[in-house]
């Protein structure tokens, strides 16, 4: 079993975010001793983001990500990086879903004060993430406009906060 399979099974069984987190921690404690913390965080974040392709905007997935960020299972910098990579996938090109994901990142940033980019990252890595954020903004401008979801605003704010971490 993988973290992706664990997350999918928990989600499809209606498991709450807190119980999902406990299952993930148990799984990691038994199976991931050779993986770095960042690799584990990437796996957890991606396991939820992949499900958004089949279940766009699902509130339970929203809860999984919010809980994972609040609980420290996923650092904000890792979540933002995985979000920006996942946003490239055409099956995730849904304005409501992408806006919700951007809002999760921005809300976590404002409530915790955590940076959107790890402060110890090399300039090359930071520039790559900024490039991914520009790609999300470009995608936002190609999707139909929604009065309820402001993807262009959210993605612009994410780009600004990522480019200027002192803001």
Protein backbone atom coordinates (compact mmCIF):
# COMPACT_ATOMS: atom_id res chain seq x y z
CA UNK A 1 0.00 0.00 0.00
CA UNK A 2 1.10 3.58 -0.65
CA UNK A 3 0.09 6.91 0.86
CA UNK A 4 -1.91 7.58 -2.30
CA UNK A 5 -3.88 4.34 -1.85
CA UNK A 6 -4.35 5.03 1.85
CA UNK A 7 -5.69 8.52 1.16
CA UNK A 8 -7.97 7.30 -1.62
CA UNK A 9 -9.36 4.51 0.56
CA UNK A 10 -9.92 6.86 3.52
CA UNK A 11 -11.62 9.44 1.31
CA UNK A 12 -13.85 6.92 -0.46
CA UNK A 13 -14.80 5.39 2.90
CA UNK A 14 -15.83 8.75 4.33
CA UNK A 15 -13.05 8.85 6.94
CA UNK A 16 -12.68 12.25 8.65
CA UNK A 17 -9.58 14.38 8.17
CA UNK A 18 -8.35 13.73 11.72
CA UNK A 19 -8.67 9.95 11.35
CA UNK A 20 -7.02 10.12 7.91
CA UNK A 21 -4.10 11.97 9.51
CA UNK A 22 -3.78 9.30 12.20
CA UNK A 23 -3.76 6.55 9.57
CA UNK A 24 -1.12 8.43 7.56
CA UNK A 25 1.10 8.88 10.61
CA UNK A 26 0.77 5.20 11.49
CA UNK A 27 1.55 4.18 7.91
CA UNK A 28 4.59 6.49 7.79
CA UNK A 29 5.91 5.23 11.12
CA UNK A 30 5.83 1.67 9.82
CA UNK A 31 6.85 2.13 6.20
CA UNK A 32 8.83 5.28 5.45
CA UNK A 33 11.97 5.17 7.57
CA UNK A 34 14.20 5.59 4.51
CA UNK A 35 12.37 8.63 3.06
CA UNK A 36 13.13 12.27 3.80
CA UNK A 37 10.56 14.43 5.54
CA UNK A 38 10.10 16.45 2.35
CA UNK A 39 9.47 13.30 0.28
CA UNK A 40 6.83 12.15 2.77
CA UNK A 41 5.16 15.58 2.75
CA UNK A 42 5.17 15.53 -1.07
CA UNK A 43 3.51 12.11 -1.06
CA UNK A 44 0.81 13.23 1.38
CA UNK A 45 0.07 16.46 -0.46
CA UNK A 46 0.04 14.79 -3.88
CA UNK A 47 -2.18 11.98 -2.61
CA UNK A 48 -4.93 14.51 -1.92
CA UNK A 49 -4.29 16.72 -4.97
CA UNK A 50 -4.57 13.73 -7.31
CA UNK A 51 -8.05 12.99 -5.96
CA UNK A 52 -9.20 16.50 -6.92
CA UNK A 53 -8.95 15.39 -10.57
CA UNK A 54 -11.83 12.97 -10.05
CA UNK A 55 -13.61 14.91 -7.30
CA UNK A 56 -13.21 18.61 -8.14
CA UNK A 57 -13.92 20.95 -5.25
CA UNK A 58 -14.82 18.17 -2.82
CA UNK A 59 -15.11 19.57 0.74
CA UNK A 60 -13.68 16.42 2.35
CA UNK A 61 -10.49 16.80 0.31
CA UNK A 62 -10.44 20.45 1.33
CA UNK A 63 -10.60 19.30 4.97
CA UNK A 64 -7.78 16.78 4.43
CA UNK A 65 -5.46 19.49 3.14
CA UNK A 66 -6.40 22.04 5.78
CA UNK A 67 -5.93 19.45 8.53
CA UNK A 68 -2.62 18.25 7.08
CA UNK A 69 -1.31 21.82 7.02
CA UNK A 70 -2.57 22.68 10.48
CA UNK A 71 -1.27 19.43 11.99
CA UNK A 72 2.16 19.88 10.39
CA UNK A 73 1.97 16.76 8.23
CA UNK A 74 2.51 19.01 5.22
CA UNK A 75 4.59 22.17 5.35
CA UNK A 76 3.11 25.15 3.57
CA UNK A 77 6.11 25.42 1.24
CA UNK A 78 5.73 21.78 0.16
CA UNK A 79 1.97 22.16 -0.31
CA UNK A 80 2.39 25.24 -2.50
CA UNK A 81 5.08 23.57 -4.60
CA UNK A 82 2.98 20.42 -5.11
CA UNK A 83 -0.14 22.51 -5.81
CA UNK A 84 1.64 24.49 -8.50
CA UNK A 85 2.95 21.30 -10.11
CA UNK A 86 -0.48 19.63 -9.94
CA UNK A 87 -2.14 22.70 -11.47
CA UNK A 88 -0.36 21.94 -14.74
CA UNK A 89 -2.47 18.81 -15.19
CA UNK A 90 -5.43 19.52 -17.52
CA UNK A 91 -7.82 17.42 -15.40
CA UNK A 92 -7.33 19.91 -12.57
CA UNK A 93 -8.18 22.93 -14.74
CA UNK A 94 -11.33 23.79 -12.85
CA UNK A 95 -11.56 27.41 -11.67
CA UNK A 96 -13.47 26.58 -8.48
CA UNK A 97 -11.06 23.83 -7.45
CA UNK A 98 -7.91 25.81 -8.21
CA UNK A 99 -9.31 28.85 -6.42
CA UNK A 100 -10.10 26.74 -3.34
CA UNK A 101 -6.58 25.31 -3.37
CA UNK A 102 -5.01 28.75 -3.67
CA UNK A 103 -7.22 29.98 -0.81
CA UNK A 104 -6.11 27.05 1.38
CA UNK A 105 -2.47 28.06 0.82
CA UNK A 106 -3.10 31.77 1.37
CA UNK A 107 -5.26 31.22 4.46
CA UNK A 108 -2.58 28.96 5.96
CA UNK A 109 0.06 31.57 5.18
CA UNK A 110 -1.88 34.38 6.83
CA UNK A 111 -2.96 32.36 9.87
CA UNK A 112 0.41 30.75 10.59
CA UNK A 113 2.91 33.24 9.26
CA UNK A 114 4.73 30.39 7.49
CA UNK A 115 6.47 31.40 4.27
CA UNK A 116 5.15 30.08 0.97
CA UNK A 117 8.71 29.17 -0.02
CA UNK A 118 11.18 27.49 2.30
CA UNK A 119 13.62 30.16 3.41
CA UNK A 120 16.64 27.90 2.88
CA UNK A 121 15.83 27.09 -0.76
CA UNK A 122 18.33 27.97 -3.47
CA UNK A 123 17.51 30.86 -5.81
CA UNK A 124 17.12 28.36 -8.68
CA UNK A 125 14.44 26.42 -6.79
CA UNK A 126 12.65 29.64 -5.81
CA UNK A 127 12.69 30.84 -9.42
CA UNK A 128 11.26 27.49 -10.54
CA UNK A 129 8.40 27.82 -8.08
CA UNK A 130 7.78 31.42 -9.20
CA UNK A 131 7.71 30.17 -12.79
CA UNK A 132 5.12 27.54 -11.76
CA UNK A 133 3.07 30.29 -10.08
CA UNK A 134 3.19 32.31 -13.31
CA UNK A 135 1.98 29.18 -15.12
CA UNK A 136 -0.99 28.95 -12.74
CA UNK A 137 -1.81 32.61 -13.39
CA UNK A 138 -1.71 31.92 -17.13
CA UNK A 139 -4.06 28.95 -16.66
CA UNK A 140 -6.36 31.16 -14.56
CA UNK A 141 -6.72 33.58 -17.46
CA UNK A 142 -7.69 30.78 -19.87
CA UNK A 143 -10.49 29.34 -17.71
CA UNK A 144 -14.06 30.66 -17.76
CA UNK A 145 -14.67 33.53 -15.34
CA UNK A 146 -16.75 32.74 -12.28
CA UNK A 147 -18.48 35.30 -10.09
CA UNK A 148 -18.14 33.02 -7.07
CA UNK A 149 -14.50 32.01 -7.47
CA UNK A 150 -11.79 34.56 -8.14
CA UNK A 151 -9.00 32.32 -9.42
CA UNK A 152 -7.14 35.15 -11.14
CA UNK A 153 -7.11 37.12 -7.89
CA UNK A 154 -6.08 34.13 -5.77
CA UNK A 155 -3.36 33.00 -8.16
CA UNK A 156 -2.06 36.58 -8.48
CA UNK A 157 -1.89 36.92 -4.72
CA UNK A 158 -0.14 33.57 -4.42
CA UNK A 159 2.42 34.70 -7.01
CA UNK A 160 3.02 38.02 -5.22
CA UNK A 161 3.38 36.38 -1.82
CA UNK A 162 5.71 33.76 -3.27
CA UNK A 163 7.86 36.30 -5.10
CA UNK A 164 8.08 38.68 -2.14
CA UNK A 165 8.18 36.48 0.98
CA UNK A 166 8.54 39.45 3.33
CA UNK A 167 5.00 40.64 2.53
